PDB file of N, CA and C in Angstrom:
ATOM      1  N   MET A   1       0.677  -0.366  -0.252  1.00  0.00           N
ATOM      2  CA  MET A   1       0.375  -1.520  -1.071  1.00  0.00           C
ATOM      3  C   MET A   1      -0.247  -2.597  -0.184  1.00  0.00           C
ATOM      4  N   ILE A   2      -1.344  -3.143  -0.637  1.00  0.00           N
ATOM      5  CA  ILE A   2      -2.030  -4.219   0.081  1.00  0.00           C
ATOM      6  C   ILE A   2      -1.827  -5.511  -0.687  1.00  0.00           C
ATOM      7  N   ILE A   3      -1.286  -6.531   0.009  1.00  0.00           N
ATOM      8  CA  ILE A   3      -1.052  -7.838  -0.602  1.00  0.00           C
ATOM      9  C   ILE A   3      -1.952  -8.863   0.077  1.00  0.00           C
ATOM     10  N   ASN A   4      -2.721  -9.602  -0.715  1.00  0.00           N
ATOM     11  CA  ASN A   4      -3.609 -10.649  -0.211  1.00  0.00           C
ATOM     12  C   ASN A   4      -3.183 -11.995  -0.757  1.00  0.00           C
ATOM     13  N   PHE A   5      -3.177 -13.003   0.128  1.00  0.00           N
ATOM     14  CA  PHE A   5      -2.882 -14.375  -0.251  1.00  0.00           C
ATOM     15  C   PHE A   5      -4.145 -15.195  -0.047  1.00  0.00           C
ATOM     16  N   SER A   6      -4.498 -16.015  -1.022  1.00  0.00           N
ATOM     17  CA  SER A   6      -5.655 -16.890  -0.919  1.00  0.00           C
ATOM     18  C   SER A   6      -5.200 -18.315  -1.204  1.00  0.00           C
ATOM     19  N   PHE A   7      -5.388 -19.198  -0.213  1.00  0.00           N
ATOM     20  CA  PHE A   7      -5.041 -20.614  -0.356  1.00  0.00           C
ATOM     21  C   PHE A   7      -6.319 -21.434  -0.335  1.00  0.00           C
ATOM     22  N   VAL A   8      -6.481 -22.313  -1.293  1.00  0.00           N
ATOM     23  CA  VAL A   8      -7.602 -23.236  -1.319  1.00  0.00           C
ATOM     24  C   VAL A   8      -7.019 -24.624  -1.520  1.00  0.00           C
ATOM     25  N   LEU A   9      -7.113 -25.466  -0.506  1.00  0.00           N
ATOM     26  CA  LEU A   9      -6.562 -26.818  -0.599  1.00  0.00           C
ATOM     27  C   LEU A   9      -7.474 -27.719  -1.408  1.00  0.00           C
ATOM     28  N   ASN A  10      -6.876 -28.570  -2.224  1.00  0.00           N
ATOM     29  CA  ASN A  10      -7.648 -29.559  -2.982  1.00  0.00           C
ATOM     30  C   ASN A  10      -8.258 -30.564  -2.018  1.00  0.00           C
ATOM     31  N   THR A  11      -9.506 -30.916  -2.241  1.00  0.00           N
ATOM     32  CA  THR A  11     -10.181 -31.864  -1.357  1.00  0.00           C
ATOM     33  C   THR A  11     -10.222 -33.270  -1.922  1.00  0.00           C
ATOM     34  N   GLU A  12      -9.911 -33.416  -3.199  1.00  0.00           N
ATOM     35  CA  GLU A  12      -9.893 -34.746  -3.803  1.00  0.00           C
ATOM     36  C   GLU A  12      -8.519 -35.373  -3.585  1.00  0.00           C
ATOM     37  N   ILE A  13      -8.498 -36.590  -3.066  1.00  0.00           N
ATOM     38  CA  ILE A  13      -7.242 -37.287  -2.826  1.00  0.00           C
ATOM     39  C   ILE A  13      -6.992 -38.245  -3.981  1.00  0.00           C
ATOM     40  N   PRO A  14      -5.916 -38.009  -4.746  1.00  0.00           N
ATOM     41  CA  PRO A  14      -5.620 -38.927  -5.846  1.00  0.00           C
ATOM     42  C   PRO A  14      -5.188 -40.286  -5.327  1.00  0.00           C
ATOM     43  N   SER A  15      -5.310 -41.299  -6.150  1.00  0.00           N
ATOM     44  CA  SER A  15      -4.895 -42.639  -5.737  1.00  0.00           C
ATOM     45  C   SER A  15      -3.606 -43.009  -6.455  1.00  0.00           C
ATOM     46  N   GLY A  16      -2.893 -43.971  -5.892  1.00  0.00           N
ATOM     47  CA  GLY A  16      -1.641 -44.435  -6.489  1.00  0.00           C
ATOM     48  C   GLY A  16      -0.481 -44.197  -5.541  1.00  0.00           C
ATOM     49  N   GLY A  17       0.564 -44.970  -5.694  1.00  0.00           N
ATOM     50  CA  GLY A  17       1.723 -44.888  -4.818  1.00  0.00           C
ATOM     51  C   GLY A  17       2.440 -43.556  -4.856  1.00  0.00           C
ATOM     52  N   GLU A  18       2.424 -42.879  -5.998  1.00  0.00           N
ATOM     53  CA  GLU A  18       3.131 -41.608  -6.112  1.00  0.00           C
ATOM     54  C   GLU A  18       2.464 -40.489  -5.317  1.00  0.00           C
ATOM     55  N   TYR A  19       1.277 -40.729  -4.793  1.00  0.00           N
ATOM     56  CA  TYR A  19       0.554 -39.729  -4.017  1.00  0.00           C
ATOM     57  C   TYR A  19       0.527 -40.068  -2.529  1.00  0.00           C
ATOM     58  N   SER A  20       1.553 -40.718  -2.028  1.00  0.00           N
ATOM     59  CA  SER A  20       1.561 -41.157  -0.630  1.00  0.00           C
ATOM     60  C   SER A  20       1.536 -39.975   0.352  1.00  0.00           C
ATOM     61  N   ALA A  21       2.000 -38.796  -0.072  1.00  0.00           N
ATOM     62  CA  ALA A  21       1.998 -37.630   0.821  1.00  0.00           C
ATOM     63  C   ALA A  21       0.574 -37.239   1.214  1.00  0.00           C
ATOM     64  N   TYR A  22      -0.389 -37.545   0.378  1.00  0.00           N
ATOM     65  CA  TYR A  22      -1.773 -37.186   0.680  1.00  0.00           C
ATOM     66  C   TYR A  22      -2.330 -37.959   1.876  1.00  0.00           C
ATOM     67  N   LYS A  23      -1.719 -39.081   2.216  1.00  0.00           N
ATOM     68  CA  LYS A  23      -2.179 -39.839   3.378  1.00  0.00           C
ATOM     69  C   LYS A  23      -1.930 -39.060   4.665  1.00  0.00           C
ATOM     70  N   HIS A  24      -0.971 -38.151   4.650  1.00  0.00           N
ATOM     71  CA  HIS A  24      -0.595 -37.390   5.837  1.00  0.00           C
ATOM     72  C   HIS A  24      -1.183 -35.988   5.831  1.00  0.00           C
ATOM     73  N   GLY A  25      -1.911 -35.635   4.832  1.00  0.00           N
ATOM     74  CA  GLY A  25      -2.558 -34.328   4.760  1.00  0.00           C
ATOM     75  C   GLY A  25      -2.539 -33.787   3.343  1.00  0.00           C
ATOM     76  N   TYR A  26      -3.452 -32.898   3.087  1.00  0.00           N
ATOM     77  CA  TYR A  26      -3.538 -32.296   1.762  1.00  0.00           C
ATOM     78  C   TYR A  26      -2.455 -31.227   1.653  1.00  0.00           C
ATOM     79  N   ILE A  27      -1.635 -31.317   0.629  1.00  0.00           N
ATOM     80  CA  ILE A  27      -0.545 -30.362   0.494  1.00  0.00           C
ATOM     81  C   ILE A  27      -0.614 -29.582  -0.814  1.00  0.00           C
ATOM     82  N   GLU A  28      -1.544 -29.924  -1.676  1.00  0.00           N
ATOM     83  CA  GLU A  28      -1.636 -29.260  -2.974  1.00  0.00           C
ATOM     84  C   GLU A  28      -2.911 -28.443  -3.027  1.00  0.00           C
ATOM     85  N   GLY A  29      -2.835 -27.314  -3.695  1.00  0.00           N
ATOM     86  CA  GLY A  29      -4.027 -26.490  -3.804  1.00  0.00           C
ATOM     87  C   GLY A  29      -3.824 -25.323  -4.740  1.00  0.00           C
ATOM     88  N   THR A  30      -4.755 -24.405  -4.676  1.00  0.00           N
ATOM     89  CA  THR A  30      -4.731 -23.213  -5.507  1.00  0.00           C
ATOM     90  C   THR A  30      -4.220 -22.046  -4.679  1.00  0.00           C
ATOM     91  N   LEU A  31      -3.333 -21.260  -5.277  1.00  0.00           N
ATOM     92  CA  LEU A  31      -2.796 -20.073  -4.627  1.00  0.00           C
ATOM     93  C   LEU A  31      -3.024 -18.878  -5.519  1.00  0.00           C
ATOM     94  N   ASP A  32      -3.620 -17.835  -4.951  1.00  0.00           N
ATOM     95  CA  ASP A  32      -3.769 -16.548  -5.630  1.00  0.00           C
ATOM     96  C   ASP A  32      -3.085 -15.490  -4.780  1.00  0.00           C
ATOM     97  N   ILE A  33      -2.307 -14.641  -5.428  1.00  0.00           N
ATOM     98  CA  ILE A  33      -1.696 -13.497  -4.758  1.00  0.00           C
ATOM     99  C   ILE A  33      -2.168 -12.258  -5.495  1.00  0.00           C
ATOM    100  N   SER A  34      -2.781 -11.351  -4.748  1.00  0.00           N
ATOM    101  CA  SER A  34      -3.274 -10.100  -5.323  1.00  0.00           C
ATOM    102  C   SER A  34      -2.563  -8.926  -4.667  1.00  0.00           C
ATOM    103  N   MET A  35      -2.277  -7.920  -5.473  1.00  0.00           N
ATOM    104  CA  MET A  35      -1.682  -6.690  -4.953  1.00  0.00           C
ATOM    105  C   MET A  35      -2.586  -5.530  -5.345  1.00  0.00           C
ATOM    106  N   ASP A  36      -3.030  -4.814  -4.334  1.00  0.00           N
ATOM    107  CA  ASP A  36      -3.948  -3.692  -4.532  1.00  0.00           C
ATOM    108  C   ASP A  36      -5.171  -4.095  -5.353  1.00  0.00           C
ATOM    109  N   GLY A  37      -5.683  -5.306  -5.087  1.00  0.00           N
ATOM    110  CA  GLY A  37      -6.898  -5.777  -5.733  1.00  0.00           C
ATOM    111  C   GLY A  37      -6.707  -6.380  -7.116  1.00  0.00           C
ATOM    112  N   LYS A  38      -5.481  -6.381  -7.640  1.00  0.00           N
ATOM    113  CA  LYS A  38      -5.223  -6.945  -8.966  1.00  0.00           C
ATOM    114  C   LYS A  38      -4.484  -8.263  -8.809  1.00  0.00           C
ATOM    115  N   LEU A  39      -4.930  -9.272  -9.545  1.00  0.00           N
ATOM    116  CA  LEU A  39      -4.307 -10.592  -9.480  1.00  0.00           C
ATOM    117  C   LEU A  39      -2.886 -10.520 -10.006  1.00  0.00           C
ATOM    118  N   PHE A  40      -1.926 -10.926  -9.162  1.00  0.00           N
ATOM    119  CA  PHE A  40      -0.510 -10.881  -9.494  1.00  0.00           C
ATOM    120  C   PHE A  40       0.024 -12.271  -9.838  1.00  0.00           C
ATOM    121  N   PHE A  41      -0.499 -13.300  -9.131  1.00  0.00           N
ATOM    122  CA  PHE A  41      -0.016 -14.668  -9.312  1.00  0.00           C
ATOM    123  C   PHE A  41      -1.177 -15.628  -9.091  1.00  0.00           C
ATOM    124  N   HIS A  42      -1.241 -16.682  -9.926  1.00  0.00           N
ATOM    125  CA  HIS A  42      -2.287 -17.703  -9.790  1.00  0.00           C
ATOM    126  C   HIS A  42      -1.699 -19.047 -10.194  1.00  0.00           C
ATOM    127  N   ASP A  43      -1.865 -20.048  -9.343  1.00  0.00           N
ATOM    128  CA  ASP A  43      -1.427 -21.417  -9.668  1.00  0.00           C
ATOM    129  C   ASP A  43      -2.432 -22.377  -9.060  1.00  0.00           C
ATOM    130  N   GLU A  44      -3.035 -23.216  -9.894  1.00  0.00           N
ATOM    131  CA  GLU A  44      -4.070 -24.150  -9.426  1.00  0.00           C
ATOM    132  C   GLU A  44      -3.493 -25.394  -8.780  1.00  0.00           C
ATOM    133  N   TYR A  45      -2.245 -25.717  -9.038  1.00  0.00           N
ATOM    134  CA  TYR A  45      -1.687 -26.979  -8.549  1.00  0.00           C
ATOM    135  C   TYR A  45      -0.353 -26.768  -7.835  1.00  0.00           C
ATOM    136  N   ILE A  46      -0.300 -25.776  -6.968  1.00  0.00           N
ATOM    137  CA  ILE A  46       0.940 -25.485  -6.259  1.00  0.00           C
ATOM    138  C   ILE A  46       1.058 -26.379  -5.018  1.00  0.00           C
ATOM    139  N   CYS A  47       2.267 -26.811  -4.732  1.00  0.00           N
ATOM    140  CA  CYS A  47       2.512 -27.592  -3.513  1.00  0.00           C
ATOM    141  C   CYS A  47       2.682 -26.600  -2.358  1.00  0.00           C
ATOM    142  N   LEU A  48       1.646 -26.469  -1.560  1.00  0.00           N
ATOM    143  CA  LEU A  48       1.650 -25.465  -0.498  1.00  0.00           C
ATOM    144  C   LEU A  48       2.659 -25.777   0.597  1.00  0.00           C
ATOM    145  N   ALA A  49       3.003 -27.047   0.774  1.00  0.00           N
ATOM    146  CA  ALA A  49       3.991 -27.419   1.783  1.00  0.00           C
ATOM    147  C   ALA A  49       5.377 -26.884   1.407  1.00  0.00           C
ATOM    148  N   GLU A  50       5.661 -26.769   0.139  1.00  0.00           N
ATOM    149  CA  GLU A  50       6.937 -26.215  -0.303  1.00  0.00           C
ATOM    150  C   GLU A  50       6.881 -24.700  -0.433  1.00  0.00           C
ATOM    151  N   PHE A  51       5.723 -24.162  -0.710  1.00  0.00           N
ATOM    152  CA  PHE A  51       5.585 -22.723  -0.906  1.00  0.00           C
ATOM    153  C   PHE A  51       5.849 -21.942   0.379  1.00  0.00           C
ATOM    154  N   GLY A  52       5.407 -22.452   1.513  1.00  0.00           N
ATOM    155  CA  GLY A  52       5.560 -21.745   2.784  1.00  0.00           C
ATOM    156  C   GLY A  52       7.000 -21.379   3.105  1.00  0.00           C
ATOM    157  N   PRO A  53       7.921 -22.342   3.118  1.00  0.00           N
ATOM    158  CA  PRO A  53       9.325 -22.001   3.387  1.00  0.00           C
ATOM    159  C   PRO A  53       9.918 -21.045   2.348  1.00  0.00           C
ATOM    160  N   GLN A  54       9.541 -21.195   1.076  1.00  0.00           N
ATOM    161  CA  GLN A  54      10.055 -20.298   0.045  1.00  0.00           C
ATOM    162  C   GLN A  54       9.550 -18.875   0.256  1.00  0.00           C
ATOM    163  N   LEU A  55       8.293 -18.744   0.653  1.00  0.00           N
ATOM    164  CA  LEU A  55       7.738 -17.421   0.943  1.00  0.00           C
ATOM    165  C   LEU A  55       8.468 -16.788   2.125  1.00  0.00           C
ATOM    166  N   GLY A  56       8.748 -17.578   3.163  1.00  0.00           N
ATOM    167  CA  GLY A  56       9.471 -17.070   4.319  1.00  0.00           C
ATOM    168  C   GLY A  56      10.853 -16.566   3.955  1.00  0.00           C
ATOM    169  N   THR A  57      11.570 -17.293   3.118  1.00  0.00           N
ATOM    170  CA  THR A  57      12.901 -16.876   2.666  1.00  0.00           C
ATOM    171  C   THR A  57      12.818 -15.574   1.877  1.00  0.00           C
ATOM    172  N   TRP A  58      11.834 -15.472   1.007  1.00  0.00           N
ATOM    173  CA  TRP A  58      11.639 -14.266   0.199  1.00  0.00           C
ATOM    174  C   TRP A  58      11.337 -13.059   1.089  1.00  0.00           C
ATOM    175  N   LEU A  59      10.464 -13.240   2.082  1.00  0.00           N
ATOM    176  CA  LEU A  59      10.122 -12.136   2.972  1.00  0.00           C
ATOM    177  C   LEU A  59      11.321 -11.692   3.806  1.00  0.00           C
ATOM    178  N   LYS A  60      12.154 -12.625   4.245  1.00  0.00           N
ATOM    179  CA  LYS A  60      13.367 -12.268   5.000  1.00  0.00           C
ATOM    180  C   LYS A  60      14.288 -11.400   4.156  1.00  0.00           C
ATOM    181  N   LYS A  61      14.442 -11.748   2.879  1.00  0.00           N
ATOM    182  CA  LYS A  61      15.284 -10.953   1.986  1.00  0.00           C
ATOM    183  C   LYS A  61      14.748  -9.540   1.838  1.00  0.00           C
ATOM    184  N   ILE A  62      13.438  -9.409   1.736  1.00  0.00           N
ATOM    185  CA  ILE A  62      12.824  -8.083   1.626  1.00  0.00           C
ATOM    186  C   ILE A  62      13.072  -7.277   2.892  1.00  0.00           C
ATOM    187  N   ILE A  63      12.908  -7.895   4.051  1.00  0.00           N
ATOM    188  CA  ILE A  63      13.119  -7.202   5.327  1.00  0.00           C
ATOM    189  C   ILE A  63      14.563  -6.735   5.451  1.00  0.00           C
ATOM    190  N   VAL A  64      15.512  -7.578   5.062  1.00  0.00           N
ATOM    191  CA  VAL A  64      16.925  -7.192   5.120  1.00  0.00           C
ATOM    192  C   VAL A  64      17.188  -5.998   4.208  1.00  0.00           C
ATOM    193  N   ARG A  65      16.648  -6.012   3.012  1.00  0.00           N
ATOM    194  CA  ARG A  65      16.827  -4.891   2.075  1.00  0.00           C
ATOM    195  C   ARG A  65      16.217  -3.618   2.623  1.00  0.00           C
ATOM    196  N   LEU A  66      15.034  -3.729   3.210  1.00  0.00           N
ATOM    197  CA  LEU A  66      14.389  -2.544   3.776  1.00  0.00           C
ATOM    198  C   LEU A  66      15.196  -1.965   4.922  1.00  0.00           C
ATOM    199  N   SER A  67      15.677  -2.809   5.815  1.00  0.00           N
ATOM    200  CA  SER A  67      16.431  -2.306   6.949  1.00  0.00           C
ATOM    201  C   SER A  67      17.776  -1.722   6.491  1.00  0.00           C
ATOM    202  N   THR A  68      18.379  -2.291   5.450  1.00  0.00           N
ATOM    203  CA  THR A  68      19.620  -1.741   4.905  1.00  0.00           C
ATOM    204  C   THR A  68      19.374  -0.382   4.273  1.00  0.00           C
ATOM    205  N   THR A  69      18.285  -0.263   3.528  1.00  0.00           N
ATOM    206  CA  THR A  69      17.943   0.997   2.871  1.00  0.00           C
ATOM    207  C   THR A  69      17.658   2.091   3.897  1.00  0.00           C
ATOM    208  N   MET A  70      16.985   1.732   4.977  1.00  0.00           N
ATOM    209  CA  MET A  70      16.624   2.722   5.989  1.00  0.00           C
ATOM    210  C   MET A  70      17.856   3.197   6.772  1.00  0.00           C
ATOM    211  N   ARG A  71      18.883   2.388   6.856  1.00  0.00           N
ATOM    212  CA  ARG A  71      20.104   2.788   7.569  1.00  0.00           C
ATOM    213  C   ARG A  71      20.938   3.748   6.764  1.00  0.00           C
ATOM    214  N   SER A  72      20.787   3.728   5.442  1.00  0.00           N
ATOM    215  CA  SER A  72      21.619   4.590   4.570  1.00  0.00           C
ATOM    216  C   SER A  72      21.231   6.021   4.659  1.00  0.00           C
TER     217      SER A  72
END
Protein backbone atom coordinates (compact mmCIF):
# COMPACT_ATOMS: atom_id res chain seq x y z
CA MET A 1 0.00 0.00 0.00
CA ILE A 2 1.33 3.42 -0.97
CA ILE A 3 0.20 6.39 1.14
CA ASN A 4 0.80 9.97 -0.07
CA PHE A 5 0.34 13.14 1.96
CA SER A 6 -0.04 16.51 0.25
CA PHE A 7 0.11 19.73 2.30
CA VAL A 8 -0.61 23.12 0.76
CA LEU A 9 -0.36 26.04 3.17
CA ASN A 10 -2.73 28.97 2.76
CA THR A 11 -0.89 32.08 1.61
CA GLU A 12 -3.57 34.61 2.49
CA ILE A 13 -3.26 35.97 6.02
CA PRO A 14 -6.64 36.84 7.54
CA SER A 15 -6.95 40.00 9.60
CA GLY A 16 -8.38 40.42 13.08
CA GLY A 17 -7.35 39.58 16.62
CA GLU A 18 -8.60 36.00 16.44
CA TYR A 19 -5.95 35.26 13.80
CA SER A 20 -2.91 36.22 15.88
CA ALA A 21 -1.28 32.81 15.24
CA TYR A 22 -0.74 33.83 11.62
CA LYS A 23 1.77 36.46 12.74
CA HIS A 24 4.11 33.62 13.73
CA GLY A 25 3.63 31.52 10.61
CA TYR A 26 1.01 29.98 8.40
CA ILE A 27 -0.59 27.05 10.16
CA GLU A 28 -3.73 26.41 8.11
CA GLY A 29 -3.92 24.75 4.75
CA THR A 30 -5.21 21.97 2.58
CA LEU A 31 -4.42 18.34 3.34
CA ASP A 32 -4.96 15.44 0.96
CA ILE A 33 -4.22 11.83 1.87
CA SER A 34 -4.24 9.28 -0.93
CA MET A 35 -3.87 5.53 -0.68
CA ASP A 36 -2.84 3.62 -3.77
CA GLY A 37 -3.68 6.66 -5.91
CA LYS A 38 -7.23 7.07 -4.56
CA LEU A 39 -8.18 10.10 -2.47
CA PHE A 40 -8.86 8.92 1.09
CA PHE A 41 -9.07 12.24 2.98
CA HIS A 42 -9.39 15.90 1.95
CA ASP A 43 -9.72 19.02 4.14
CA GLU A 44 -9.24 22.55 2.79
CA TYR A 45 -9.01 24.27 6.17
CA ILE A 46 -7.09 21.91 8.44
CA CYS A 47 -4.83 23.29 11.16
CA LEU A 48 -1.55 21.67 10.16
CA ALA A 49 0.14 22.61 13.44
CA GLU A 50 -2.32 20.36 15.28
CA PHE A 51 -2.40 17.64 12.64
CA GLY A 52 1.30 16.78 12.95
CA PRO A 53 1.23 15.59 16.58
CA GLN A 54 -2.04 13.71 15.98
CA LEU A 55 -0.53 11.94 12.98
CA GLY A 56 2.51 10.98 15.06
CA THR A 57 0.32 9.49 17.79
CA TRP A 58 -1.68 7.53 15.21
CA LEU A 59 1.47 6.16 13.56
CA LYS A 60 2.90 5.07 16.94
CA LYS A 61 -0.28 3.10 17.63
CA ILE A 62 0.01 1.37 14.26
CA ILE A 63 3.67 0.48 14.90
CA VAL A 64 2.82 -0.98 18.32
CA ARG A 65 0.02 -3.10 16.80
CA LEU A 66 2.30 -4.33 14.03
CA SER A 67 5.08 -5.29 16.40
CA THR A 68 2.58 -7.05 18.70
CA THR A 69 1.08 -8.96 15.78
CA MET A 70 4.51 -10.03 14.53
CA ARG A 71 5.47 -11.40 17.96
CA SER A 72 2.41 -13.66 18.11
